[in-house]
Amino acid sequence: MRAVFESADFLKIAQQALHLSPSEAGWRTAINRAYYAAFRVARDYCRVPNRIDGVGSHDAVLSAVEALDFPDAGNFANSLRTIKKWRTRADYEATFHDLEHIATKSVDDAELIVQWFRRLPTRT
């Protein structure tokens, strides 16, 4: 029997990459995994499908988080948007200044986003 994958488990990988592999590759990996942990938890909570006509699922998730009727939804959407921007830079740009700091911030912010979604009431 196959277990259901927990999106938040990407945070464990992000933390390991950040702390056990303090290098440019480790920091870039930490940013990537941190973003996907937060993105997937948000996507699952907001029930955004993987494929959407006309709009990318990442932008649709950001819009869905902003539209949630909970305190701080806009703040968490902005944090997710920032980590997304950093993830894109980490994955595609050859030069990325202040990488260690941004990796640490990405992992910390992703953890806050995941915790926030876990505290929200279950959707029916």
PDB file of N, CA and C in Angstrom:
ATOM      1  N   MET A   1       0.847  -1.175   0.000  1.00  0.00           N
ATOM      2  CA  MET A   1       0.000   0.000   0.000  1.00  0.00           C
ATOM      3  C   MET A   1       0.896   1.244   0.000  1.00  0.00           C
ATOM      4  N   ARG A   2       0.593   2.168  -0.847  1.00  0.00           N
ATOM      5  CA  ARG A   2       1.385   3.377  -0.967  1.00  0.00           C
ATOM      6  C   ARG A   2       0.847   4.465  -0.037  1.00  0.00           C
ATOM      7  N   ALA A   3       1.731   5.078   0.727  1.00  0.00           N
ATOM      8  CA  ALA A   3       1.329   6.140   1.650  1.00  0.00           C
ATOM      9  C   ALA A   3       1.087   7.428   0.873  1.00  0.00           C
ATOM     10  N   VAL A   4       0.234   8.266   1.416  1.00  0.00           N
ATOM     11  CA  VAL A   4      -0.044   9.567   0.816  1.00  0.00           C
ATOM     12  C   VAL A   4       1.125  10.496   1.120  1.00  0.00           C
ATOM     13  N   PHE A   5       1.613  11.154   0.096  1.00  0.00           N
ATOM     14  CA  PHE A   5       2.737  12.068   0.271  1.00  0.00           C
ATOM     15  C   PHE A   5       2.278  13.327   0.996  1.00  0.00           C
ATOM     16  N   GLU A   6       3.016  13.707   2.005  1.00  0.00           N
ATOM     17  CA  GLU A   6       2.751  14.929   2.752  1.00  0.00           C
ATOM     18  C   GLU A   6       3.604  16.045   2.164  1.00  0.00           C
ATOM     19  N   SER A   7       2.960  17.037   1.575  1.00  0.00           N
ATOM     20  CA  SER A   7       3.689  18.141   0.951  1.00  0.00           C
ATOM     21  C   SER A   7       4.628  18.841   1.918  1.00  0.00           C
ATOM     22  N   ALA A   8       4.226  18.930   3.161  1.00  0.00           N
ATOM     23  CA  ALA A   8       5.054  19.605   4.164  1.00  0.00           C
ATOM     24  C   ALA A   8       6.382  18.875   4.399  1.00  0.00           C
ATOM     25  N   ASP A   9       6.479  17.617   3.963  1.00  0.00           N
ATOM     26  CA  ASP A   9       7.745  16.894   4.112  1.00  0.00           C
ATOM     27  C   ASP A   9       8.869  17.547   3.306  1.00  0.00           C
ATOM     28  N   PHE A  10       8.513  18.330   2.293  1.00  0.00           N
ATOM     29  CA  PHE A  10       9.539  19.072   1.564  1.00  0.00           C
ATOM     30  C   PHE A  10      10.293  20.020   2.495  1.00  0.00           C
ATOM     31  N   LEU A  11       9.640  20.462   3.572  1.00  0.00           N
ATOM     32  CA  LEU A  11      10.317  21.337   4.544  1.00  0.00           C
ATOM     33  C   LEU A  11      11.488  20.625   5.196  1.00  0.00           C
ATOM     34  N   LYS A  12      11.334  19.343   5.474  1.00  0.00           N
ATOM     35  CA  LYS A  12      12.435  18.580   6.076  1.00  0.00           C
ATOM     36  C   LYS A  12      13.640  18.562   5.148  1.00  0.00           C
ATOM     37  N   ILE A  13      13.391  18.373   3.868  1.00  0.00           N
ATOM     38  CA  ILE A  13      14.468  18.373   2.880  1.00  0.00           C
ATOM     39  C   ILE A  13      15.100  19.761   2.804  1.00  0.00           C
ATOM     40  N   ALA A  14      14.269  20.802   2.836  1.00  0.00           N
ATOM     41  CA  ALA A  14      14.781  22.176   2.797  1.00  0.00           C
ATOM     42  C   ALA A  14      15.678  22.444   4.001  1.00  0.00           C
ATOM     43  N   GLN A  15      15.244  22.016   5.175  1.00  0.00           N
ATOM     44  CA  GLN A  15      16.033  22.231   6.387  1.00  0.00           C
ATOM     45  C   GLN A  15      17.343  21.451   6.342  1.00  0.00           C
ATOM     46  N   GLN A  16      17.289  20.234   5.830  1.00  0.00           N
ATOM     47  CA  GLN A  16      18.510  19.432   5.707  1.00  0.00           C
ATOM     48  C   GLN A  16      19.479  20.085   4.728  1.00  0.00           C
ATOM     49  N   ALA A  17      18.965  20.538   3.604  1.00  0.00           N
ATOM     50  CA  ALA A  17      19.826  21.187   2.611  1.00  0.00           C
ATOM     51  C   ALA A  17      20.447  22.453   3.183  1.00  0.00           C
ATOM     52  N   LEU A  18      19.686  23.169   3.977  1.00  0.00           N
ATOM     53  CA  LEU A  18      20.161  24.415   4.577  1.00  0.00           C
ATOM     54  C   LEU A  18      21.258  24.164   5.600  1.00  0.00           C
ATOM     55  N   HIS A  19      21.064  23.165   6.446  1.00  0.00           N
ATOM     56  CA  HIS A  19      21.966  22.968   7.575  1.00  0.00           C
ATOM     57  C   HIS A  19      23.046  21.900   7.356  1.00  0.00           C
ATOM     58  N   LEU A  20      22.721  20.863   6.594  1.00  0.00           N
ATOM     59  CA  LEU A  20      23.678  19.781   6.415  1.00  0.00           C
ATOM     60  C   LEU A  20      24.550  19.952   5.177  1.00  0.00           C
ATOM     61  N   SER A  21      24.138  20.845   4.303  1.00  0.00           N
ATOM     62  CA  SER A  21      24.892  21.064   3.071  1.00  0.00           C
ATOM     63  C   SER A  21      25.075  22.556   2.829  1.00  0.00           C
ATOM     64  N   PRO A  22      25.810  23.244   3.747  1.00  0.00           N
ATOM     65  CA  PRO A  22      25.962  24.697   3.611  1.00  0.00           C
ATOM     66  C   PRO A  22      26.857  25.047   2.420  1.00  0.00           C
ATOM     67  N   SER A  23      26.223  25.105   1.269  1.00  0.00           N
ATOM     68  CA  SER A  23      26.918  25.406   0.024  1.00  0.00           C
ATOM     69  C   SER A  23      25.921  26.070  -0.905  1.00  0.00           C
ATOM     70  N   GLU A  24      26.405  26.580  -2.012  1.00  0.00           N
ATOM     71  CA  GLU A  24      25.488  27.223  -2.953  1.00  0.00           C
ATOM     72  C   GLU A  24      24.405  26.248  -3.418  1.00  0.00           C
ATOM     73  N   ALA A  25      24.784  25.039  -3.755  1.00  0.00           N
ATOM     74  CA  ALA A  25      23.797  24.050  -4.195  1.00  0.00           C
ATOM     75  C   ALA A  25      22.797  23.736  -3.073  1.00  0.00           C
ATOM     76  N   GLY A  26      23.284  23.606  -1.853  1.00  0.00           N
ATOM     77  CA  GLY A  26      22.400  23.339  -0.718  1.00  0.00           C
ATOM     78  C   GLY A  26      21.423  24.466  -0.476  1.00  0.00           C
ATOM     79  N   TRP A  27      21.900  25.698  -0.558  1.00  0.00           N
ATOM     80  CA  TRP A  27      21.021  26.851  -0.327  1.00  0.00           C
ATOM     81  C   TRP A  27      19.978  26.984  -1.429  1.00  0.00           C
ATOM     82  N   ARG A  28      20.392  26.743  -2.666  1.00  0.00           N
ATOM     83  CA  ARG A  28      19.439  26.803  -3.776  1.00  0.00           C
ATOM     84  C   ARG A  28      18.384  25.700  -3.634  1.00  0.00           C
ATOM     85  N   THR A  29      18.810  24.526  -3.230  1.00  0.00           N
ATOM     86  CA  THR A  29      17.883  23.420  -3.004  1.00  0.00           C
ATOM     87  C   THR A  29      16.929  23.744  -1.861  1.00  0.00           C
ATOM     88  N   ALA A  30      17.439  24.352  -0.806  1.00  0.00           N
ATOM     89  CA  ALA A  30      16.596  24.721   0.334  1.00  0.00           C
ATOM     90  C   ALA A  30      15.490  25.681  -0.104  1.00  0.00           C
ATOM     91  N   ILE A  31      15.826  26.658  -0.913  1.00  0.00           N
ATOM     92  CA  ILE A  31      14.819  27.611  -1.398  1.00  0.00           C
ATOM     93  C   ILE A  31      13.761  26.880  -2.222  1.00  0.00           C
ATOM     94  N   ASN A  32      14.204  26.026  -3.124  1.00  0.00           N
ATOM     95  CA  ASN A  32      13.280  25.295  -3.988  1.00  0.00           C
ATOM     96  C   ASN A  32      12.326  24.428  -3.173  1.00  0.00           C
ATOM     97  N   ARG A  33      12.867  23.627  -2.282  1.00  0.00           N
ATOM     98  CA  ARG A  33      12.018  22.719  -1.500  1.00  0.00           C
ATOM     99  C   ARG A  33      11.118  23.489  -0.533  1.00  0.00           C
ATOM    100  N   ALA A  34      11.615  24.591   0.028  1.00  0.00           N
ATOM    101  CA  ALA A  34      10.785  25.411   0.918  1.00  0.00           C
ATOM    102  C   ALA A  34       9.577  25.955   0.158  1.00  0.00           C
ATOM    103  N   TYR A  35       9.835  26.458  -1.045  1.00  0.00           N
ATOM    104  CA  TYR A  35       8.726  26.995  -1.840  1.00  0.00           C
ATOM    105  C   TYR A  35       7.701  25.908  -2.122  1.00  0.00           C
ATOM    106  N   TYR A  36       8.167  24.747  -2.575  1.00  0.00           N
ATOM    107  CA  TYR A  36       7.208  23.705  -2.940  1.00  0.00           C
ATOM    108  C   TYR A  36       6.464  23.147  -1.735  1.00  0.00           C
ATOM    109  N   ALA A  37       7.065  23.150  -0.578  1.00  0.00           N
ATOM    110  CA  ALA A  37       6.326  22.751   0.637  1.00  0.00           C
ATOM    111  C   ALA A  37       5.165  23.705   0.869  1.00  0.00           C
ATOM    112  N   ALA A  38       5.457  24.996   0.860  1.00  0.00           N
ATOM    113  CA  ALA A  38       4.417  25.997   1.118  1.00  0.00           C
ATOM    114  C   ALA A  38       3.393  26.031  -0.014  1.00  0.00           C
ATOM    115  N   PHE A  39       3.859  25.990  -1.250  1.00  0.00           N
ATOM    116  CA  PHE A  39       2.962  26.037  -2.407  1.00  0.00           C
ATOM    117  C   PHE A  39       1.977  24.872  -2.398  1.00  0.00           C
ATOM    118  N   ARG A  40       2.491  23.666  -2.196  1.00  0.00           N
ATOM    119  CA  ARG A  40       1.621  22.487  -2.257  1.00  0.00           C
ATOM    120  C   ARG A  40       0.625  22.442  -1.103  1.00  0.00           C
ATOM    121  N   VAL A  41       1.045  22.856   0.088  1.00  0.00           N
ATOM    122  CA  VAL A  41       0.107  22.908   1.213  1.00  0.00           C
ATOM    123  C   VAL A  41      -0.994  23.926   0.918  1.00  0.00           C
ATOM    124  N   ALA A  42      -0.615  25.087   0.383  1.00  0.00           N
ATOM    125  CA  ALA A  42      -1.605  26.103   0.019  1.00  0.00           C
ATOM    126  C   ALA A  42      -2.521  25.596  -1.094  1.00  0.00           C
ATOM    127  N   ARG A  43      -1.942  24.986  -2.104  1.00  0.00           N
ATOM    128  CA  ARG A  43      -2.727  24.458  -3.224  1.00  0.00           C
ATOM    129  C   ARG A  43      -3.746  23.431  -2.742  1.00  0.00           C
ATOM    130  N   ASP A  44      -3.291  22.524  -1.878  1.00  0.00           N
ATOM    131  CA  ASP A  44      -4.192  21.488  -1.386  1.00  0.00           C
ATOM    132  C   ASP A  44      -5.310  22.085  -0.542  1.00  0.00           C
ATOM    133  N   TYR A  45      -4.980  23.029   0.321  1.00  0.00           N
ATOM    134  CA  TYR A  45      -6.004  23.640   1.164  1.00  0.00           C
ATOM    135  C   TYR A  45      -7.021  24.396   0.320  1.00  0.00           C
ATOM    136  N   CYS A  46      -6.539  25.137  -0.655  1.00  0.00           N
ATOM    137  CA  CYS A  46      -7.415  25.967  -1.489  1.00  0.00           C
ATOM    138  C   CYS A  46      -8.081  25.171  -2.606  1.00  0.00           C
ATOM    139  N   ARG A  47      -7.677  23.919  -2.743  1.00  0.00           N
ATOM    140  CA  ARG A  47      -8.253  23.014  -3.751  1.00  0.00           C
ATOM    141  C   ARG A  47      -8.099  23.560  -5.173  1.00  0.00           C
ATOM    142  N   VAL A  48      -6.912  24.036  -5.450  1.00  0.00           N
ATOM    143  CA  VAL A  48      -6.614  24.526  -6.794  1.00  0.00           C
ATOM    144  C   VAL A  48      -6.120  23.332  -7.605  1.00  0.00           C
ATOM    145  N   PRO A  49      -6.711  23.102  -8.774  1.00  0.00           N
ATOM    146  CA  PRO A  49      -6.259  21.969  -9.589  1.00  0.00           C
ATOM    147  C   PRO A  49      -4.852  22.184 -10.138  1.00  0.00           C
ATOM    148  N   ASN A  50      -4.211  21.088 -10.500  1.00  0.00           N
ATOM    149  CA  ASN A  50      -2.852  21.168 -11.045  1.00  0.00           C
ATOM    150  C   ASN A  50      -2.818  21.864 -12.391  1.00  0.00           C
ATOM    151  N   ARG A  51      -3.840  21.701 -13.184  1.00  0.00           N
ATOM    152  CA  ARG A  51      -3.880  22.301 -14.519  1.00  0.00           C
ATOM    153  C   ARG A  51      -5.079  23.233 -14.604  1.00  0.00           C
ATOM    154  N   ILE A  52      -4.800  24.446 -15.050  1.00  0.00           N
ATOM    155  CA  ILE A  52      -5.842  25.459 -15.169  1.00  0.00           C
ATOM    156  C   ILE A  52      -5.676  26.126 -16.529  1.00  0.00           C
ATOM    157  N   ASP A  53      -6.768  26.233 -17.274  1.00  0.00           N
ATOM    158  CA  ASP A  53      -6.703  26.882 -18.583  1.00  0.00           C
ATOM    159  C   ASP A  53      -6.537  28.391 -18.418  1.00  0.00           C
ATOM    160  N   GLY A  54      -5.530  28.943 -19.097  1.00  0.00           N
ATOM    161  CA  GLY A  54      -5.350  30.390 -19.147  1.00  0.00           C
ATOM    162  C   GLY A  54      -4.540  30.996 -18.015  1.00  0.00           C
ATOM    163  N   VAL A  55      -4.389  30.283 -16.915  1.00  0.00           N
ATOM    164  CA  VAL A  55      -3.651  30.809 -15.762  1.00  0.00           C
ATOM    165  C   VAL A  55      -2.809  29.671 -15.195  1.00  0.00           C
ATOM    166  N   GLY A  56      -1.586  29.965 -14.842  1.00  0.00           N
ATOM    167  CA  GLY A  56      -0.757  28.934 -14.240  1.00  0.00           C
ATOM    168  C   GLY A  56      -1.253  28.576 -12.853  1.00  0.00           C
ATOM    169  N   SER A  57      -1.035  27.333 -12.453  1.00  0.00           N
ATOM    170  CA  SER A  57      -1.519  26.902 -11.140  1.00  0.00           C
ATOM    171  C   SER A  57      -0.836  27.667 -10.014  1.00  0.00           C
ATOM    172  N   HIS A  58       0.398  28.111 -10.214  1.00  0.00           N
ATOM    173  CA  HIS A  58       1.090  28.850  -9.157  1.00  0.00           C
ATOM    174  C   HIS A  58       0.415  30.200  -8.917  1.00  0.00           C
ATOM    175  N   ASP A  59       0.092  30.903  -9.990  1.00  0.00           N
ATOM    176  CA  ASP A  59      -0.616  32.176  -9.840  1.00  0.00           C
ATOM    177  C   ASP A  59      -2.022  31.968  -9.295  1.00  0.00           C
ATOM    178  N   ALA A  60      -2.665  30.887  -9.706  1.00  0.00           N
ATOM    179  CA  ALA A  60      -4.004  30.587  -9.196  1.00  0.00           C
ATOM    180  C   ALA A  60      -3.969  30.317  -7.693  1.00  0.00           C
ATOM    181  N   VAL A  61      -2.926  29.645  -7.226  1.00  0.00           N
ATOM    182  CA  VAL A  61      -2.801  29.385  -5.788  1.00  0.00           C
ATOM    183  C   VAL A  61      -2.604  30.700  -5.039  1.00  0.00           C
ATOM    184  N   LEU A  62      -1.749  31.569  -5.556  1.00  0.00           N
ATOM    185  CA  LEU A  62      -1.541  32.868  -4.900  1.00  0.00           C
ATOM    186  C   LEU A  62      -2.845  33.643  -4.810  1.00  0.00           C
ATOM    187  N   SER A  63      -3.627  33.657  -5.874  1.00  0.00           N
ATOM    188  CA  SER A  63      -4.920  34.347  -5.860  1.00  0.00           C
ATOM    189  C   SER A  63      -5.882  33.705  -4.867  1.00  0.00           C
ATOM    190  N   ALA A  64      -5.871  32.375  -4.813  1.00  0.00           N
ATOM    191  CA  ALA A  64      -6.763  31.670  -3.893  1.00  0.00           C
ATOM    192  C   ALA A  64      -6.400  31.953  -2.436  1.00  0.00           C
ATOM    193  N   VAL A  65      -5.111  32.026  -2.145  1.00  0.00           N
ATOM    194  CA  VAL A  65      -4.687  32.334  -0.770  1.00  0.00           C
ATOM    195  C   VAL A  65      -5.102  33.757  -0.414  1.00  0.00           C
ATOM    196  N   GLU A  66      -4.892  34.691  -1.329  1.00  0.00           N
ATOM    197  CA  GLU A  66      -5.301  36.083  -1.081  1.00  0.00           C
ATOM    198  C   GLU A  66      -6.796  36.199  -0.828  1.00  0.00           C
ATOM    199  N   ALA A  67      -7.583  35.339  -1.469  1.00  0.00           N
ATOM    200  CA  ALA A  67      -9.039  35.406  -1.358  1.00  0.00           C
ATOM    201  C   ALA A  67      -9.590  34.729  -0.105  1.00  0.00           C
ATOM    202  N   LEU A  68      -8.747  34.004   0.628  1.00  0.00           N
ATOM    203  CA  LEU A  68      -9.230  33.352   1.847  1.00  0.00           C
ATOM    204  C   LEU A  68      -9.705  34.397   2.848  1.00  0.00           C
ATOM    205  N   ASP A  69     -10.781  34.072   3.516  1.00  0.00           N
ATOM    206  CA  ASP A  69     -11.369  35.009   4.480  1.00  0.00           C
ATOM    207  C   ASP A  69     -10.855  34.715   5.886  1.00  0.00           C
ATOM    208  N   PHE A  70      -9.529  34.847   6.027  1.00  0.00           N
ATOM    209  CA  PHE A  70      -8.885  34.641   7.320  1.00  0.00           C
ATOM    210  C   PHE A  70      -7.907  35.781   7.550  1.00  0.00           C
ATOM    211  N   PRO A  71      -7.721  36.171   8.817  1.00  0.00           N
ATOM    212  CA  PRO A  71      -6.707  37.198   9.097  1.00  0.00           C
ATOM    213  C   PRO A  71      -5.342  36.738   8.573  1.00  0.00           C
ATOM    214  N   ASP A  72      -4.603  37.650   8.057  1.00  0.00           N
ATOM    215  CA  ASP A  72      -3.241  37.424   7.568  1.00  0.00           C
ATOM    216  C   ASP A  72      -3.154  36.659   6.253  1.00  0.00           C
ATOM    217  N   ALA A  73      -4.273  36.346   5.610  1.00  0.00           N
ATOM    218  CA  ALA A  73      -4.212  35.626   4.332  1.00  0.00           C
ATOM    219  C   ALA A  73      -3.380  36.412   3.318  1.00  0.00           C
ATOM    220  N   GLY A  74      -3.587  37.719   3.257  1.00  0.00           N
ATOM    221  CA  GLY A  74      -2.815  38.539   2.326  1.00  0.00           C
ATOM    222  C   GLY A  74      -1.334  38.529   2.636  1.00  0.00           C
ATOM    223  N   ASN A  75      -0.994  38.562   3.917  1.00  0.00           N
ATOM    224  CA  ASN A  75       0.421  38.514   4.311  1.00  0.00           C
ATOM    225  C   ASN A  75       1.074  37.195   3.916  1.00  0.00           C
ATOM    226  N   PHE A  76       0.347  36.096   4.118  1.00  0.00           N
ATOM    227  CA  PHE A  76       0.911  34.798   3.758  1.00  0.00           C
ATOM    228  C   PHE A  76       0.983  34.624   2.242  1.00  0.00           C
ATOM    229  N   ALA A  77       0.027  35.195   1.523  1.00  0.00           N
ATOM    230  CA  ALA A  77       0.104  35.175   0.056  1.00  0.00           C
ATOM    231  C   ALA A  77       1.341  35.942  -0.412  1.00  0.00           C
ATOM    232  N   ASN A  78       1.604  37.081   0.206  1.00  0.00           N
ATOM    233  CA  ASN A  78       2.798  37.857  -0.154  1.00  0.00           C
ATOM    234  C   ASN A  78       4.088  37.110   0.167  1.00  0.00           C
ATOM    235  N   SER A  79       4.115  36.428   1.300  1.00  0.00           N
ATOM    236  CA  SER A  79       5.301  35.628   1.653  1.00  0.00           C
ATOM    237  C   SER A  79       5.512  34.512   0.639  1.00  0.00           C
ATOM    238  N   LEU A  80       4.431  33.849   0.264  1.00  0.00           N
ATOM    239  CA  LEU A  80       4.525  32.781  -0.728  1.00  0.00           C
ATOM    240  C   LEU A  80       4.994  33.344  -2.072  1.00  0.00           C
ATOM    241  N   ARG A  81       4.491  34.494  -2.446  1.00  0.00           N
ATOM    242  CA  ARG A  81       4.901  35.152  -3.694  1.00  0.00           C
ATOM    243  C   ARG A  81       6.407  35.460  -3.672  1.00  0.00           C
ATOM    244  N   THR A  82       6.903  35.924  -2.537  1.00  0.00           N
ATOM    245  CA  THR A  82       8.330  36.242  -2.409  1.00  0.00           C
ATOM    246  C   THR A  82       9.181  34.982  -2.519  1.00  0.00           C
ATOM    247  N   ILE A  83       8.767  33.906  -1.839  1.00  0.00           N
ATOM    248  CA  ILE A  83       9.525  32.659  -1.927  1.00  0.00           C
ATOM    249  C   ILE A  83       9.495  32.135  -3.361  1.00  0.00           C
ATOM    250  N   LYS A  84       8.367  32.291  -4.048  1.00  0.00           N
ATOM    251  CA  LYS A  84       8.280  31.868  -5.455  1.00  0.00           C
ATOM    252  C   LYS A  84       9.307  32.619  -6.295  1.00  0.00           C
ATOM    253  N   LYS A  85       9.400  33.924  -6.088  1.00  0.00           N
ATOM    254  CA  LYS A  85      10.370  34.741  -6.832  1.00  0.00           C
ATOM    255  C   LYS A  85      11.794  34.260  -6.549  1.00  0.00           C
ATOM    256  N   TRP A  86      12.095  33.995  -5.280  1.00  0.00           N
ATOM    257  CA  TRP A  86      13.430  33.515  -4.915  1.00  0.00           C
ATOM    258  C   TRP A  86      13.684  32.127  -5.494  1.00  0.00           C
ATOM    259  N   ARG A  87      12.654  31.276  -5.510  1.00  0.00           N
ATOM    260  CA  ARG A  87      12.794  29.932  -6.075  1.00  0.00           C
ATOM    261  C   ARG A  87      13.148  30.014  -7.556  1.00  0.00           C
ATOM    262  N   THR A  88      12.490  30.888  -8.273  1.00  0.00           N
ATOM    263  CA  THR A  88      12.791  31.055  -9.693  1.00  0.00           C
ATOM    264  C   THR A  88      14.229  31.513  -9.890  1.00  0.00           C
ATOM    265  N   ARG A  89      14.661  32.477  -9.087  1.00  0.00           N
ATOM    266  CA  ARG A  89      16.043  32.952  -9.181  1.00  0.00           C
ATOM    267  C   ARG A  89      17.023  31.830  -8.827  1.00  0.00           C
ATOM    268  N   ALA A  90      16.737  31.090  -7.766  1.00  0.00           N
ATOM    269  CA  ALA A  90      17.641  30.016  -7.336  1.00  0.00           C
ATOM    270  C   ALA A  90      17.751  28.930  -8.398  1.00  0.00           C
ATOM    271  N   ASP A  91      16.663  28.663  -9.089  1.00  0.00           N
ATOM    272  CA  ASP A  91      16.668  27.603 -10.095  1.00  0.00           C
ATOM    273  C   ASP A  91      17.292  28.029 -11.416  1.00  0.00           C
ATOM    274  N   TYR A  92      17.208  29.324 -11.766  1.00  0.00           N
ATOM    275  CA  TYR A  92      17.568  29.725 -13.122  1.00  0.00           C
ATOM    276  C   TYR A  92      18.692  30.737 -13.253  1.00  0.00           C
ATOM    277  N   GLU A  93      18.964  31.515 -12.227  1.00  0.00           N
ATOM    278  CA  GLU A  93      19.998  32.543 -12.353  1.00  0.00           C
ATOM    279  C   GLU A  93      21.357  32.010 -11.905  1.00  0.00           C
ATOM    280  N   ALA A  94      22.369  32.323 -12.690  1.00  0.00           N
ATOM    281  CA  ALA A  94      23.722  31.858 -12.372  1.00  0.00           C
ATOM    282  C   ALA A  94      24.288  32.572 -11.157  1.00  0.00           C
ATOM    283  N   THR A  95      23.944  33.846 -10.983  1.00  0.00           N
ATOM    284  CA  THR A  95      24.451  34.639  -9.874  1.00  0.00           C
ATOM    285  C   THR A  95      23.290  35.012  -8.960  1.00  0.00           C
ATOM    286  N   PHE A  96      23.480  34.770  -7.667  1.00  0.00           N
ATOM    287  CA  PHE A  96      22.419  35.042  -6.691  1.00  0.00           C
ATOM    288  C   PHE A  96      23.113  35.512  -5.421  1.00  0.00           C
ATOM    289  N   HIS A  97      23.080  36.811  -5.187  1.00  0.00           N
ATOM    290  CA  HIS A  97      23.755  37.392  -4.028  1.00  0.00           C
ATOM    291  C   HIS A  97      22.934  37.176  -2.758  1.00  0.00           C
ATOM    292  N   ASP A  98      23.630  37.093  -1.635  1.00  0.00           N
ATOM    293  CA  ASP A  98      23.002  36.929  -0.319  1.00  0.00           C
ATOM    294  C   ASP A  98      22.206  35.629  -0.226  1.00  0.00           C
ATOM    295  N   LEU A  99      22.708  34.623  -0.909  1.00  0.00           N
ATOM    296  CA  LEU A  99      21.998  33.355  -1.055  1.00  0.00           C
ATOM    297  C   LEU A  99      21.738  32.654   0.276  1.00  0.00           C
ATOM    298  N   GLU A 100      22.729  32.610   1.150  1.00  0.00           N
ATOM    299  CA  GLU A 100      22.533  31.918   2.426  1.00  0.00           C
ATOM    300  C   GLU A 100      21.426  32.571   3.245  1.00  0.00           C
ATOM    301  N   HIS A 101      21.417  33.893   3.294  1.00  0.00           N
ATOM    302  CA  HIS A 101      20.383  34.614   4.042  1.00  0.00           C
ATOM    303  C   HIS A 101      19.003  34.355   3.439  1.00  0.00           C
ATOM    304  N   ILE A 102      18.904  34.417   2.127  1.00  0.00           N
ATOM    305  CA  ILE A 102      17.612  34.219   1.464  1.00  0.00           C
ATOM    306  C   ILE A 102      17.139  32.777   1.633  1.00  0.00           C
ATOM    307  N   ALA A 103      18.054  31.822   1.609  1.00  0.00           N
ATOM    308  CA  ALA A 103      17.679  30.433   1.837  1.00  0.00           C
ATOM    309  C   ALA A 103      17.108  30.255   3.249  1.00  0.00           C
ATOM    310  N   THR A 104      17.771  30.834   4.223  1.00  0.00           N
ATOM    311  CA  THR A 104      17.298  30.750   5.607  1.00  0.00           C
ATOM    312  C   THR A 104      15.921  31.394   5.744  1.00  0.00           C
ATOM    313  N   LYS A 105      15.753  32.560   5.158  1.00  0.00           N
ATOM    314  CA  LYS A 105      14.468  33.273   5.211  1.00  0.00           C
ATOM    315  C   LYS A 105      13.380  32.471   4.498  1.00  0.00           C
ATOM    316  N   SER A 106      13.710  31.866   3.368  1.00  0.00           N
ATOM    317  CA  SER A 106      12.735  31.065   2.624  1.00  0.00           C
ATOM    318  C   SER A 106      12.241  29.887   3.460  1.00  0.00           C
ATOM    319  N   VAL A 107      13.158  29.183   4.091  1.00  0.00           N
ATOM    320  CA  VAL A 107      12.780  28.029   4.906  1.00  0.00           C
ATOM    321  C   VAL A 107      11.945  28.484   6.108  1.00  0.00           C
ATOM    322  N   ASP A 108      12.363  29.548   6.761  1.00  0.00           N
ATOM    323  CA  ASP A 108      11.606  30.062   7.911  1.00  0.00           C
ATOM    324  C   ASP A 108      10.208  30.492   7.506  1.00  0.00           C
ATOM    325  N   ASP A 109      10.098  31.231   6.405  1.00  0.00           N
ATOM    326  CA  ASP A 109       8.793  31.717   5.954  1.00  0.00           C
ATOM    327  C   ASP A 109       7.898  30.568   5.496  1.00  0.00           C
ATOM    328  N   ALA A 110       8.480  29.599   4.804  1.00  0.00           N
ATOM    329  CA  ALA A 110       7.694  28.443   4.366  1.00  0.00           C
ATOM    330  C   ALA A 110       7.147  27.679   5.568  1.00  0.00           C
ATOM    331  N   GLU A 111       7.959  27.562   6.597  1.00  0.00           N
ATOM    332  CA  GLU A 111       7.492  26.882   7.808  1.00  0.00           C
ATOM    333  C   GLU A 111       6.312  27.633   8.433  1.00  0.00           C
ATOM    334  N   LEU A 112       6.383  28.949   8.471  1.00  0.00           N
ATOM    335  CA  LEU A 112       5.267  29.745   8.997  1.00  0.00           C
ATOM    336  C   LEU A 112       4.009  29.566   8.152  1.00  0.00           C
ATOM    337  N   ILE A 113       4.172  29.521   6.842  1.00  0.00           N
ATOM    338  CA  ILE A 113       3.026  29.332   5.948  1.00  0.00           C
ATOM    339  C   ILE A 113       2.391  27.963   6.194  1.00  0.00           C
ATOM    340  N   VAL A 114       3.204  26.929   6.257  1.00  0.00           N
ATOM    341  CA  VAL A 114       2.687  25.575   6.486  1.00  0.00           C
ATOM    342  C   VAL A 114       1.973  25.508   7.836  1.00  0.00           C
ATOM    343  N   GLN A 115       2.555  26.078   8.871  1.00  0.00           N
ATOM    344  CA  GLN A 115       1.922  26.070  10.196  1.00  0.00           C
ATOM    345  C   GLN A 115       0.595  26.819  10.171  1.00  0.00           C
ATOM    346  N   TRP A 116       0.557  27.946   9.466  1.00  0.00           N
ATOM    347  CA  TRP A 116      -0.676  28.735   9.375  1.00  0.00           C
ATOM    348  C   TRP A 116      -1.789  27.907   8.735  1.00  0.00           C
ATOM    349  N   PHE A 117      -1.477  27.251   7.622  1.00  0.00           N
ATOM    350  CA  PHE A 117      -2.498  26.424   6.969  1.00  0.00           C
ATOM    351  C   PHE A 117      -2.943  25.279   7.860  1.00  0.00           C
ATOM    352  N   ARG A 118      -2.050  24.719   8.630  1.00  0.00           N
ATOM    353  CA  ARG A 118      -2.435  23.615   9.536  1.00  0.00           C
ATOM    354  C   ARG A 118      -3.365  24.094  10.640  1.00  0.00           C
ATOM    355  N   ARG A 119      -3.286  25.371  11.001  1.00  0.00           N
ATOM    356  CA  ARG A 119      -4.161  25.901  12.049  1.00  0.00           C
ATOM    357  C   ARG A 119      -5.544  26.302  11.520  1.00  0.00           C
ATOM    358  N   LEU A 120      -5.687  26.446  10.223  1.00  0.00           N
ATOM    359  CA  LEU A 120      -6.964  26.849   9.661  1.00  0.00           C
ATOM    360  C   LEU A 120      -7.987  25.725   9.823  1.00  0.00           C
ATOM    361  N   PRO A 121      -9.273  26.085   9.896  1.00  0.00           N
ATOM    362  CA  PRO A 121     -10.293  25.042  10.011  1.00  0.00           C
ATOM    363  C   PRO A 121     -10.295  24.157   8.762  1.00  0.00           C
ATOM    364  N   THR A 122     -10.628  22.904   8.963  1.00  0.00           N
ATOM    365  CA  THR A 122     -10.721  21.960   7.847  1.00  0.00           C
ATOM    366  C   THR A 122     -11.844  22.377   6.914  1.00  0.00           C
ATOM    367  N   ARG A 123     -11.565  22.316   5.621  1.00  0.00           N
ATOM    368  CA  ARG A 123     -12.578  22.666   4.633  1.00  0.00           C
ATOM    369  C   ARG A 123     -13.490  21.474   4.401  1.00  0.00           C
ATOM    370  N   THR A 124     -14.762  21.768   4.234  1.00  0.00           N
ATOM    371  CA  THR A 124     -15.736  20.679   3.963  1.00  0.00           C
ATOM    372  C   THR A 124     -16.197  20.708   2.540  1.00  0.00           C
TER     373      THR A 124
END
